[in-house]
Amino acid sequence: MDLKFIDAAKVEATWTYLAQFAVSQGLNLLAALAILVGGWWLSGRVSRALTRALQRTYIDDTLRPMLTAVAQWIIRILTIVLVLSQFGVQTASIIAMLGAAGLAIGLALQGTLQNIAAGIMLVLLRPFRVGQYIDAQGVAGTVRETGLFMTELTTADGVCMRVPNGKIWGSAITNYSENPTRRLDIEAIVTFDSDIQAGLDALKAMMAEESRLLPEPRPEVMVTRYTDRGITLNARYWTNSGDFWNVQYGFFGRLQQRLEDAGCRLAVPVQEVRRPESGDAARA
């Protein structure tokens, strides 16, 4: 190629255009990075400030993480829109792109969106709150936080469990802490030759000694049924939910000794095994 046919003016114009384009795009890139970093930093600051502000209000602890997460992601989405606008992307195009992306993501992440919807319903309807002990079909623990995707529980042995919101919302929820009082029936099966009235009196004495039982509804003792093993004695009482387990364990620890002192013998399953005689075995 003959260099004398190259137009110097065109070369100079091309380099000038490329230099201006590189400078303008570089500035746009720097501005986009600044907006992105600033938006992410601002979302974190707003989230922490909102958390502190909500702690000084009467808003339920279960609702606070949800509100802070929503506010944080609104700021981040706006940040992404501003970043795209730095590169000349029009607002209508951004909305169309977000709509298409949302549809694609929704189809691909149906389970995740189901967890978000379940988390919103859990916060709105409030079948449980932070600090309450629940059981959702085998998933049991004390509620620590209900987030957009998962609910965080602490099990009875201190293990942290994170359960998808959809699993909890789609199951029957038993809330052991919702009501202030609970009832317990303690049953003991005694043999037929036991002194039944003395056993009932022993159960009454045990309940009279326990100050954590509620006077109303009144504690009761009764014979509930006869079985092939023996006679079932029942002690029924009400107590505060916070005292439920301690009272129950205390009764279980004293029950056998008190009944035996009253002349009652606890019935235990007995299985009789007979060995055939040698003559029977031979005839068989």
Foldseek 3Di string as FASTA:
>chain_A
DDPVPDDPVVVVVVVVVVVVVVVLVVVLVVVLVVLQVVLLVVLVVQLVVQLVVVVPDPDAQQCSQAVSVVSSVVSNVVSVVVSVVSVVDDPVNVVVVVVVVVVVVCVVPVVQVLLQVLLVVCSVVVPDGAQWWKQFPNDTAGWHYRYRFWTWGQHPVGDIDTHGSNSRSVTDMGTLQPDFKDKDKDKFFWAAPFDVVLLQVLLVVLVVVDPQFDPPVPWDKDFDDADPQGTMIITMTMGTSVCVVVSVVVCVVCNQVSRVVSRTHTGDDDDDDDDDDPVVVVVD
